[in-house]
Amino acid sequence: MADDPNNRGRPDSDLINLSQPHEVRYWCGAFGCTEAQLRAAVATVGNSAKAVRKHLGK
């Protein structure tokens, strides 16, 4: 997804951008986690969606 918050399409499937609230909401829903859990996972393993998914056990 572009960094345009008006573009509500699906976020980039490879990277998680925590500075975009709509992407945080999307990824929390996709992973079934809280924002705090998502931010902690990104801090631990980086912003790769694949790495975060694995870290969260999804």
PDB file of N, CA and C in Angstrom:
ATOM      1  N   MET A   1       0.845  -1.167   0.000  1.00  0.00           N
ATOM      2  CA  MET A   1       0.000   0.000   0.000  1.00  0.00           C
ATOM      3  C   MET A   1       0.889   1.228   0.000  1.00  0.00           C
ATOM      4  N   ALA A   2       0.486   2.194  -0.729  1.00  0.00           N
ATOM      5  CA  ALA A   2       1.211   3.459  -0.704  1.00  0.00           C
ATOM      6  C   ALA A   2       1.040   4.084   0.674  1.00  0.00           C
ATOM      7  N   ASP A   3       1.882   5.028   0.997  1.00  0.00           N
ATOM      8  CA  ASP A   3       1.787   5.679   2.297  1.00  0.00           C
ATOM      9  C   ASP A   3       0.696   6.736   2.331  1.00  0.00           C
ATOM     10  N   ASP A   4      -0.172   6.746   1.361  1.00  0.00           N
ATOM     11  CA  ASP A   4      -1.286   7.680   1.309  1.00  0.00           C
ATOM     12  C   ASP A   4      -2.418   7.126   2.166  1.00  0.00           C
ATOM     13  N   PRO A   5      -2.749   7.763   3.311  1.00  0.00           N
ATOM     14  CA  PRO A   5      -3.799   7.235   4.173  1.00  0.00           C
ATOM     15  C   PRO A   5      -5.177   7.238   3.526  1.00  0.00           C
ATOM     16  N   ASN A   6      -5.341   7.948   2.428  1.00  0.00           N
ATOM     17  CA  ASN A   6      -6.627   7.925   1.727  1.00  0.00           C
ATOM     18  C   ASN A   6      -6.762   6.688   0.862  1.00  0.00           C
ATOM     19  N   ASN A   7      -5.650   6.021   0.596  1.00  0.00           N
ATOM     20  CA  ASN A   7      -5.662   4.786  -0.168  1.00  0.00           C
ATOM     21  C   ASN A   7      -5.866   3.646   0.823  1.00  0.00           C
ATOM     22  N   ARG A   8      -7.070   3.149   0.899  1.00  0.00           N
ATOM     23  CA  ARG A   8      -7.411   2.131   1.896  1.00  0.00           C
ATOM     24  C   ARG A   8      -7.264   0.706   1.377  1.00  0.00           C
ATOM     25  N   GLY A   9      -6.518   0.534   0.311  1.00  0.00           N
ATOM     26  CA  GLY A   9      -6.287  -0.799  -0.207  1.00  0.00           C
ATOM     27  C   GLY A   9      -5.465  -1.622   0.761  1.00  0.00           C
ATOM     28  N   ARG A  10      -5.166  -2.831   0.364  1.00  0.00           N
ATOM     29  CA  ARG A  10      -4.392  -3.727   1.210  1.00  0.00           C
ATOM     30  C   ARG A  10      -2.965  -3.204   1.369  1.00  0.00           C
ATOM     31  N   PRO A  11      -2.428  -3.226   2.581  1.00  0.00           N
ATOM     32  CA  PRO A  11      -1.047  -2.781   2.799  1.00  0.00           C
ATOM     33  C   PRO A  11      -0.049  -3.662   2.054  1.00  0.00           C
ATOM     34  N   ASP A  12       1.150  -3.155   1.920  1.00  0.00           N
ATOM     35  CA  ASP A  12       2.239  -3.924   1.335  1.00  0.00           C
ATOM     36  C   ASP A  12       2.302  -5.254   2.077  1.00  0.00           C
ATOM     37  N   SER A  13       2.291  -6.343   1.334  1.00  0.00           N
ATOM     38  CA  SER A  13       2.233  -7.651   1.991  1.00  0.00           C
ATOM     39  C   SER A  13       3.571  -8.099   2.567  1.00  0.00           C
ATOM     40  N   ASP A  14       4.635  -7.340   2.320  1.00  0.00           N
ATOM     41  CA  ASP A  14       5.956  -7.742   2.796  1.00  0.00           C
ATOM     42  C   ASP A  14       6.444  -6.965   4.014  1.00  0.00           C
ATOM     43  N   LEU A  15       5.997  -5.705   4.158  1.00  0.00           N
ATOM     44  CA  LEU A  15       6.523  -4.857   5.220  1.00  0.00           C
ATOM     45  C   LEU A  15       5.403  -4.240   6.049  1.00  0.00           C
ATOM     46  N   ILE A  16       5.667  -4.050   7.316  1.00  0.00           N
ATOM     47  CA  ILE A  16       4.709  -3.445   8.240  1.00  0.00           C
ATOM     48  C   ILE A  16       5.193  -2.037   8.554  1.00  0.00           C
ATOM     49  N   ASN A  17       4.344  -1.051   8.299  1.00  0.00           N
ATOM     50  CA  ASN A  17       4.676   0.344   8.550  1.00  0.00           C
ATOM     51  C   ASN A  17       3.903   0.808   9.778  1.00  0.00           C
ATOM     52  N   LEU A  18       4.573   0.885  10.920  1.00  0.00           N
ATOM     53  CA  LEU A  18       3.905   1.248  12.170  1.00  0.00           C
ATOM     54  C   LEU A  18       3.575   2.737  12.269  1.00  0.00           C
ATOM     55  N   SER A  19       4.066   3.539  11.353  1.00  0.00           N
ATOM     56  CA  SER A  19       3.768   4.971  11.409  1.00  0.00           C
ATOM     57  C   SER A  19       2.460   5.316  10.710  1.00  0.00           C
ATOM     58  N   GLN A  20       1.815   4.332  10.109  1.00  0.00           N
ATOM     59  CA  GLN A  20       0.539   4.544   9.427  1.00  0.00           C
ATOM     60  C   GLN A  20      -0.571   3.828  10.212  1.00  0.00           C
ATOM     61  N   PRO A  21      -1.452   4.597  10.895  1.00  0.00           N
ATOM     62  CA  PRO A  21      -2.492   3.977  11.724  1.00  0.00           C
ATOM     63  C   PRO A  21      -3.358   2.964  10.993  1.00  0.00           C
ATOM     64  N   HIS A  22      -3.671   3.213   9.725  1.00  0.00           N
ATOM     65  CA  HIS A  22      -4.513   2.263   8.990  1.00  0.00           C
ATOM     66  C   HIS A  22      -3.769   0.947   8.749  1.00  0.00           C
ATOM     67  N   GLU A  23      -2.451   0.999   8.603  1.00  0.00           N
ATOM     68  CA  GLU A  23      -1.696  -0.234   8.450  1.00  0.00           C
ATOM     69  C   GLU A  23      -1.602  -0.989   9.771  1.00  0.00           C
ATOM     70  N   VAL A  24      -1.433  -0.267  10.872  1.00  0.00           N
ATOM     71  CA  VAL A  24      -1.405  -0.913  12.192  1.00  0.00           C
ATOM     72  C   VAL A  24      -2.721  -1.651  12.419  1.00  0.00           C
ATOM     73  N   ARG A  25      -3.841  -1.000  12.122  1.00  0.00           N
ATOM     74  CA  ARG A  25      -5.156  -1.653  12.282  1.00  0.00           C
ATOM     75  C   ARG A  25      -5.254  -2.896  11.403  1.00  0.00           C
ATOM     76  N   TYR A  26      -4.796  -2.776  10.157  1.00  0.00           N
ATOM     77  CA  TYR A  26      -4.854  -3.910   9.243  1.00  0.00           C
ATOM     78  C   TYR A  26      -4.054  -5.094   9.786  1.00  0.00           C
ATOM     79  N   TRP A  27      -2.793  -4.829  10.150  1.00  0.00           N
ATOM     80  CA  TRP A  27      -1.930  -5.929  10.588  1.00  0.00           C
ATOM     81  C   TRP A  27      -2.397  -6.524  11.907  1.00  0.00           C
ATOM     82  N   CYS A  28      -2.927  -5.734  12.810  1.00  0.00           N
ATOM     83  CA  CYS A  28      -3.472  -6.283  14.061  1.00  0.00           C
ATOM     84  C   CYS A  28      -4.614  -7.244  13.745  1.00  0.00           C
ATOM     85  N   GLY A  29      -5.469  -6.853  12.817  1.00  0.00           N
ATOM     86  CA  GLY A  29      -6.561  -7.738  12.409  1.00  0.00           C
ATOM     87  C   GLY A  29      -6.056  -8.981  11.704  1.00  0.00           C
ATOM     88  N   ALA A  30      -5.074  -8.811  10.846  1.00  0.00           N
ATOM     89  CA  ALA A  30      -4.535  -9.944  10.085  1.00  0.00           C
ATOM     90  C   ALA A  30      -3.856 -10.963  10.988  1.00  0.00           C
ATOM     91  N   PHE A  31      -3.176 -10.477  12.022  1.00  0.00           N
ATOM     92  CA  PHE A  31      -2.453 -11.371  12.926  1.00  0.00           C
ATOM     93  C   PHE A  31      -3.252 -11.732  14.166  1.00  0.00           C
ATOM     94  N   GLY A  32      -4.386 -11.069  14.390  1.00  0.00           N
ATOM     95  CA  GLY A  32      -5.181 -11.348  15.584  1.00  0.00           C
ATOM     96  C   GLY A  32      -4.447 -10.969  16.853  1.00  0.00           C
ATOM     97  N   CYS A  33      -3.799  -9.799  16.830  1.00  0.00           N
ATOM     98  CA  CYS A  33      -3.025  -9.361  17.989  1.00  0.00           C
ATOM     99  C   CYS A  33      -3.381  -7.922  18.346  1.00  0.00           C
ATOM    100  N   THR A  34      -2.893  -7.485  19.477  1.00  0.00           N
ATOM    101  CA  THR A  34      -3.090  -6.099  19.882  1.00  0.00           C
ATOM    102  C   THR A  34      -2.008  -5.233  19.246  1.00  0.00           C
ATOM    103  N   GLU A  35      -2.218  -3.923  19.298  1.00  0.00           N
ATOM    104  CA  GLU A  35      -1.202  -3.009  18.781  1.00  0.00           C
ATOM    105  C   GLU A  35       0.099  -3.159  19.562  1.00  0.00           C
ATOM    106  N   ALA A  36      -0.008  -3.325  20.865  1.00  0.00           N
ATOM    107  CA  ALA A  36       1.199  -3.488  21.691  1.00  0.00           C
ATOM    108  C   ALA A  36       1.965  -4.747  21.285  1.00  0.00           C
ATOM    109  N   GLN A  37       1.263  -5.834  21.026  1.00  0.00           N
ATOM    110  CA  GLN A  37       1.916  -7.072  20.604  1.00  0.00           C
ATOM    111  C   GLN A  37       2.582  -6.895  19.239  1.00  0.00           C
ATOM    112  N   LEU A  38       1.897  -6.197  18.338  1.00  0.00           N
ATOM    113  CA  LEU A  38       2.455  -5.953  17.012  1.00  0.00           C
ATOM    114  C   LEU A  38       3.719  -5.108  17.110  1.00  0.00           C
ATOM    115  N   ARG A  39       3.658  -4.029  17.891  1.00  0.00           N
ATOM    116  CA  ARG A  39       4.824  -3.150  18.030  1.00  0.00           C
ATOM    117  C   ARG A  39       5.995  -3.889  18.689  1.00  0.00           C
ATOM    118  N   ALA A  40       5.708  -4.734  19.668  1.00  0.00           N
ATOM    119  CA  ALA A  40       6.771  -5.501  20.324  1.00  0.00           C
ATOM    120  C   ALA A  40       7.399  -6.496  19.346  1.00  0.00           C
ATOM    121  N   ALA A  41       6.570  -7.128  18.533  1.00  0.00           N
ATOM    122  CA  ALA A  41       7.092  -8.089  17.556  1.00  0.00           C
ATOM    123  C   ALA A  41       7.976  -7.389  16.532  1.00  0.00           C
ATOM    124  N   VAL A  42       7.537  -6.224  16.041  1.00  0.00           N
ATOM    125  CA  VAL A  42       8.335  -5.479  15.069  1.00  0.00           C
ATOM    126  C   VAL A  42       9.648  -5.026  15.706  1.00  0.00           C
ATOM    127  N   ALA A  43       9.597  -4.613  16.962  1.00  0.00           N
ATOM    128  CA  ALA A  43      10.823  -4.198  17.654  1.00  0.00           C
ATOM    129  C   ALA A  43      11.792  -5.367  17.802  1.00  0.00           C
ATOM    130  N   THR A  44      11.264  -6.565  17.932  1.00  0.00           N
ATOM    131  CA  THR A  44      12.095  -7.751  18.134  1.00  0.00           C
ATOM    132  C   THR A  44      12.665  -8.309  16.834  1.00  0.00           C
ATOM    133  N   VAL A  45      11.804  -8.452  15.810  1.00  0.00           N
ATOM    134  CA  VAL A  45      12.228  -9.147  14.589  1.00  0.00           C
ATOM    135  C   VAL A  45      12.292  -8.257  13.350  1.00  0.00           C
ATOM    136  N   GLY A  46      11.921  -6.989  13.465  1.00  0.00           N
ATOM    137  CA  GLY A  46      11.930  -6.100  12.308  1.00  0.00           C
ATOM    138  C   GLY A  46      10.559  -6.003  11.674  1.00  0.00           C
ATOM    139  N   ASN A  47      10.459  -5.244  10.577  1.00  0.00           N
ATOM    140  CA  ASN A  47       9.146  -4.962   9.998  1.00  0.00           C
ATOM    141  C   ASN A  47       8.733  -5.893   8.865  1.00  0.00           C
ATOM    142  N   SER A  48       9.417  -6.996   8.707  1.00  0.00           N
ATOM    143  CA  SER A  48       9.015  -8.000   7.722  1.00  0.00           C
ATOM    144  C   SER A  48       7.756  -8.707   8.209  1.00  0.00           C
ATOM    145  N   ALA A  49       6.708  -8.677   7.390  1.00  0.00           N
ATOM    146  CA  ALA A  49       5.454  -9.325   7.769  1.00  0.00           C
ATOM    147  C   ALA A  49       5.661 -10.823   8.008  1.00  0.00           C
ATOM    148  N   LYS A  50       6.512 -11.439   7.208  1.00  0.00           N
ATOM    149  CA  LYS A  50       6.784 -12.874   7.356  1.00  0.00           C
ATOM    150  C   LYS A  50       7.439 -13.162   8.708  1.00  0.00           C
ATOM    151  N   ALA A  51       8.407 -12.340   9.099  1.00  0.00           N
ATOM    152  CA  ALA A  51       9.099 -12.543  10.376  1.00  0.00           C
ATOM    153  C   ALA A  51       8.163 -12.287  11.550  1.00  0.00           C
ATOM    154  N   VAL A  52       7.330 -11.253  11.442  1.00  0.00           N
ATOM    155  CA  VAL A  52       6.385 -10.943  12.528  1.00  0.00           C
ATOM    156  C   VAL A  52       5.354 -12.065  12.646  1.00  0.00           C
ATOM    157  N   ARG A  53       4.858 -12.549  11.510  1.00  0.00           N
ATOM    158  CA  ARG A  53       3.887 -13.650  11.521  1.00  0.00           C
ATOM    159  C   ARG A  53       4.483 -14.870  12.246  1.00  0.00           C
ATOM    160  N   LYS A  54       5.715 -15.195  11.922  1.00  0.00           N
ATOM    161  CA  LYS A  54       6.382 -16.342  12.542  1.00  0.00           C
ATOM    162  C   LYS A  54       6.582 -16.093  14.048  1.00  0.00           C
ATOM    163  N   HIS A  55       7.027 -14.890  14.392  1.00  0.00           N
ATOM    164  CA  HIS A  55       7.264 -14.539  15.797  1.00  0.00           C
ATOM    165  C   HIS A  55       5.976 -14.643  16.623  1.00  0.00           C
ATOM    166  N   LEU A  56       4.867 -14.206  16.037  1.00  0.00           N
ATOM    167  CA  LEU A  56       3.583 -14.255  16.743  1.00  0.00           C
ATOM    168  C   LEU A  56       2.954 -15.638  16.713  1.00  0.00           C
ATOM    169  N   GLY A  57       3.556 -16.542  15.960  1.00  0.00           N
ATOM    170  CA  GLY A  57       3.024 -17.907  15.879  1.00  0.00           C
ATOM    171  C   GLY A  57       1.779 -18.017  15.035  1.00  0.00           C
ATOM    172  N   LYS A  58       1.680 -17.189  14.015  1.00  0.00           N
ATOM    173  CA  LYS A  58       0.489 -17.191  13.153  1.00  0.00           C
ATOM    174  C   LYS A  58       0.766 -17.895  11.845  1.00  0.00           C
TER     175      LYS A  58
END
